[in-house]
Amino acid sequence: MTTARKFKVSVSLDADLLGVVDGLAASEGTTRSAVMERWLHQVSRKAAVARLEEDTAAYYASLGSAERQDDASWAAAAAAAARQLVIDEGPRNPIPKARSRRIHRR
């Protein structure tokens, strides 16, 4: 497994924010860099999700009437197929468990 190459950078932070970073690093037993890297990854993922949502909304807004009708048909077919799925519900007619016989001692 290859480790991602890291680069050293210099940033300036507000004293209160640095206190939060230091407090988290201390409570987690990690470094400032690890805390800030995790935060940046989270913000980056949120931004990517927001872009995807915006692109998806723009795509659906750009559809013509025939394309919307086709999309609605596909959605209805997928919903009908999904209703037929049985996931994590176990067997519909489970085999009854044998009763255990306990010996009561007094």
Protein backbone atom coordinates (compact mmCIF):
# COMPACT_ATOMS: atom_id res chain seq x y z
CA MET A 1 0.00 0.00 0.00
CA THR A 2 1.39 3.39 -0.93
CA THR A 3 1.04 6.32 1.38
CA ALA A 4 -0.31 9.52 -0.11
CA ARG A 5 2.38 12.12 -0.55
CA LYS A 6 2.00 14.96 1.94
CA PHE A 7 3.09 18.55 1.49
CA LYS A 8 3.97 21.02 4.19
CA VAL A 9 2.09 24.33 3.94
CA SER A 10 1.83 27.37 6.15
CA VAL A 11 -1.57 28.80 7.07
CA SER A 12 -2.70 31.60 9.37
CA LEU A 13 -5.64 30.91 11.67
CA ASP A 14 -7.71 32.93 14.09
CA ALA A 15 -6.62 32.25 17.71
CA ASP A 16 -10.06 30.89 18.65
CA LEU A 17 -10.10 28.49 15.70
CA LEU A 18 -6.58 27.32 16.52
CA GLY A 19 -7.78 26.67 20.06
CA VAL A 20 -10.56 24.46 18.70
CA VAL A 21 -8.09 22.58 16.50
CA ASP A 22 -5.67 22.11 19.38
CA GLY A 23 -8.46 20.99 21.72
CA LEU A 24 -9.69 18.38 19.25
CA ALA A 25 -6.18 17.18 18.53
CA ALA A 26 -5.49 16.76 22.25
CA SER A 27 -8.80 14.98 22.94
CA GLU A 28 -8.26 12.61 20.00
CA GLY A 29 -4.56 12.08 20.68
CA THR A 30 -3.70 13.25 17.19
CA THR A 31 -2.07 16.24 15.50
CA ARG A 32 -3.25 19.62 14.29
CA SER A 33 -2.53 18.45 10.77
CA ALA A 34 -4.74 15.37 11.16
CA VAL A 35 -7.65 17.45 12.49
CA MET A 36 -7.35 20.06 9.76
CA GLU A 37 -6.92 17.45 7.03
CA ARG A 38 -10.08 15.65 8.19
CA TRP A 39 -12.00 18.95 8.19
CA LEU A 40 -10.78 19.81 4.71
CA HIS A 41 -11.78 16.35 3.43
CA GLN A 42 -15.26 16.79 4.94
CA VAL A 43 -15.70 20.23 3.36
CA SER A 44 -14.41 18.91 0.03
CA ARG A 45 -16.90 16.00 0.10
CA LYS A 46 -19.78 18.34 0.98
CA ALA A 47 -18.82 20.65 -1.88
CA ALA A 48 -18.68 17.68 -4.29
CA VAL A 49 -22.14 16.52 -3.15
CA ALA A 50 -23.51 20.05 -3.57
CA ARG A 51 -22.06 20.22 -7.10
CA LEU A 52 -23.58 16.84 -7.94
CA GLU A 53 -26.99 17.95 -6.64
CA GLU A 54 -26.78 21.18 -8.65
CA ASP A 55 -25.74 19.30 -11.80
CA THR A 56 -28.53 16.77 -11.32
CA ALA A 57 -31.12 19.52 -10.83
CA ALA A 58 -29.82 21.32 -13.94
CA TYR A 59 -30.05 18.10 -15.95
CA TYR A 60 -33.65 17.45 -14.96
CA ALA A 61 -34.56 21.11 -15.54
CA SER A 62 -33.17 20.84 -19.08
CA LEU A 63 -35.31 17.84 -20.05
CA GLY A 64 -37.96 18.27 -22.71
CA SER A 65 -41.50 17.00 -22.34
CA ALA A 66 -40.84 13.67 -24.12
CA GLU A 67 -37.73 13.08 -22.00
CA ARG A 68 -39.66 13.83 -18.80
CA GLN A 69 -42.34 11.33 -19.84
CA ASP A 70 -39.68 8.69 -20.56
CA ASP A 71 -38.00 9.39 -17.21
CA ALA A 72 -41.34 9.08 -15.39
CA SER A 73 -41.95 5.70 -17.08
CA TRP A 74 -38.54 4.42 -16.01
CA ALA A 75 -39.11 5.70 -12.47
CA ALA A 76 -42.49 3.94 -12.25
CA ALA A 77 -41.00 0.66 -13.52
CA ALA A 78 -38.09 0.89 -11.05
CA ALA A 79 -40.47 1.64 -8.16
CA ALA A 80 -42.65 -1.35 -9.06
CA ALA A 81 -39.60 -3.61 -9.21
CA ALA A 82 -38.30 -2.27 -5.89
CA ARG A 83 -41.61 -3.06 -4.18
CA GLN A 84 -41.07 -6.71 -5.12
CA LEU A 85 -37.73 -6.90 -3.28
CA VAL A 86 -37.47 -8.51 0.13
CA ILE A 87 -34.34 -7.31 1.86
CA ASP A 88 -33.27 -8.16 5.40
CA GLU A 89 -36.71 -9.32 6.41
CA GLY A 90 -35.84 -12.97 6.76
CA PRO A 91 -37.90 -15.81 5.36
CA ARG A 92 -41.62 -15.17 4.96
CA ASN A 93 -42.54 -18.45 6.72
CA PRO A 94 -39.76 -19.08 9.22
CA ILE A 95 -39.38 -22.57 10.59
CA PRO A 96 -40.49 -22.54 14.23
CA LYS A 97 -37.67 -23.02 16.71
CA ALA A 98 -37.79 -26.11 18.87
CA ARG A 99 -38.56 -25.33 22.45
CA SER A 100 -35.69 -25.92 24.79
CA ARG A 101 -36.32 -28.07 27.80
CA ARG A 102 -34.99 -26.62 30.99
CA ILE A 103 -34.46 -28.64 34.07
CA HIS A 104 -35.55 -26.70 37.11
CA ARG A 105 -33.52 -27.48 40.17
CA ARG A 106 -34.55 -26.53 43.61
